[in-house]
Amino acid sequence: MNLARVSANGQITVPVEIRRMLGVREGDKILFFRNDKGEVVINNASETAILKAQKAFSGVAEGLGNPSEDDIQSWVNEVRYEKE
């Protein structure tokens, strides 16, 4: 079991074992949320964002006819030029 003490400013130091489990380093952000059971869960916010994006884009390439990396780069370039 790992304990953390809350400072007068409301800050906590995440124990090293927990930081290692989450893969967080100095400057990373930690996401706190309540799950369906009412428990508060902490996650590495960067990892969570990447996993969400991967899930959102899952199957998109297949829906576009399995484009090549060159096709994708071309589309990215088109969008960049449209914004300028």
Protein backbone atom coordinates (compact mmCIF):
# COMPACT_ATOMS: atom_id res chain seq x y z
CA MET A 1 0.00 0.00 0.00
CA ASN A 2 1.25 3.47 -0.86
CA LEU A 3 0.19 6.56 1.06
CA ALA A 4 0.51 10.21 0.12
CA ARG A 5 0.03 13.16 2.46
CA VAL A 6 -1.89 16.25 1.37
CA SER A 7 0.01 19.48 2.04
CA ALA A 8 -1.59 22.68 3.32
CA ASN A 9 -1.70 23.83 -0.34
CA GLY A 10 -3.61 20.71 -1.38
CA GLN A 11 -0.58 19.16 -3.10
CA ILE A 12 0.44 15.54 -2.93
CA THR A 13 3.61 13.68 -3.85
CA VAL A 14 2.78 10.55 -5.83
CA PRO A 15 4.83 7.66 -4.43
CA VAL A 16 7.65 6.47 -6.71
CA GLU A 17 6.12 2.99 -7.11
CA ILE A 18 2.87 4.51 -8.37
CA ARG A 19 4.73 6.90 -10.72
CA ARG A 20 6.54 3.92 -12.20
CA MET A 21 3.29 1.96 -12.60
CA LEU A 22 1.68 4.90 -14.40
CA GLY A 23 4.79 5.74 -16.40
CA VAL A 24 4.69 9.38 -15.32
CA ARG A 25 7.71 11.63 -15.17
CA GLU A 26 8.40 15.19 -14.07
CA GLY A 27 6.07 17.59 -15.87
CA ASP A 28 3.52 14.93 -16.87
CA LYS A 29 -0.13 15.43 -16.02
CA ILE A 30 -2.19 12.98 -14.02
CA LEU A 31 -5.88 12.52 -14.71
CA PHE A 32 -8.26 11.88 -11.79
CA PHE A 33 -11.74 10.53 -12.49
CA ARG A 34 -14.49 8.56 -10.80
CA ASN A 35 -15.33 5.16 -12.27
CA ASP A 36 -18.74 3.46 -12.41
CA LYS A 37 -18.18 2.02 -8.91
CA GLY A 38 -17.63 5.50 -7.45
CA GLU A 39 -13.90 4.91 -6.94
CA VAL A 40 -11.42 7.65 -7.80
CA VAL A 41 -8.90 6.42 -10.36
CA ILE A 42 -5.68 8.06 -11.51
CA ASN A 43 -4.18 7.70 -14.98
CA ASN A 44 -1.32 9.13 -16.96
CA ALA A 45 -3.21 11.86 -18.86
CA SER A 46 -0.94 11.69 -21.94
CA GLU A 47 -1.31 7.94 -22.25
CA THR A 48 -5.08 8.21 -21.81
CA ALA A 49 -5.32 10.87 -24.53
CA ILE A 50 -3.29 8.77 -26.97
CA LEU A 51 -5.39 5.67 -26.31
CA LYS A 52 -8.60 7.70 -26.82
CA ALA A 53 -7.31 9.06 -30.12
CA GLN A 54 -6.28 5.59 -31.29
CA LYS A 55 -9.74 4.26 -30.47
CA ALA A 56 -11.43 7.18 -32.25
CA PHE A 57 -9.38 6.64 -35.41
CA SER A 58 -9.54 2.85 -35.35
CA GLY A 59 -10.66 1.56 -38.76
CA VAL A 60 -10.57 4.97 -40.46
CA ALA A 61 -7.72 4.02 -42.79
CA GLU A 62 -9.54 0.89 -43.91
CA GLY A 63 -12.62 2.99 -44.63
CA LEU A 64 -10.52 5.18 -46.90
CA GLY A 65 -9.23 2.23 -48.90
CA ASN A 66 -6.03 1.67 -46.91
CA PRO A 67 -4.15 4.79 -48.03
CA SER A 68 -0.38 4.85 -48.11
CA GLU A 69 1.75 7.05 -45.87
CA ASP A 70 2.29 9.34 -48.88
CA ASP A 71 -1.49 9.70 -49.32
CA ILE A 72 -1.90 10.61 -45.66
CA GLN A 73 0.97 13.12 -45.79
CA SER A 74 -0.62 14.68 -48.87
CA TRP A 75 -3.94 15.08 -47.01
CA VAL A 76 -2.17 16.61 -44.01
CA ASN A 77 -0.41 19.08 -46.30
CA GLU A 78 -3.71 20.01 -47.95
CA VAL A 79 -5.32 20.75 -44.58
CA ARG A 80 -2.31 22.81 -43.47
CA TYR A 81 -2.43 24.91 -46.63
CA GLU A 82 -6.20 25.45 -46.28
CA LYS A 83 -5.64 26.94 -42.80
CA GLU A 84 -3.01 29.43 -43.99
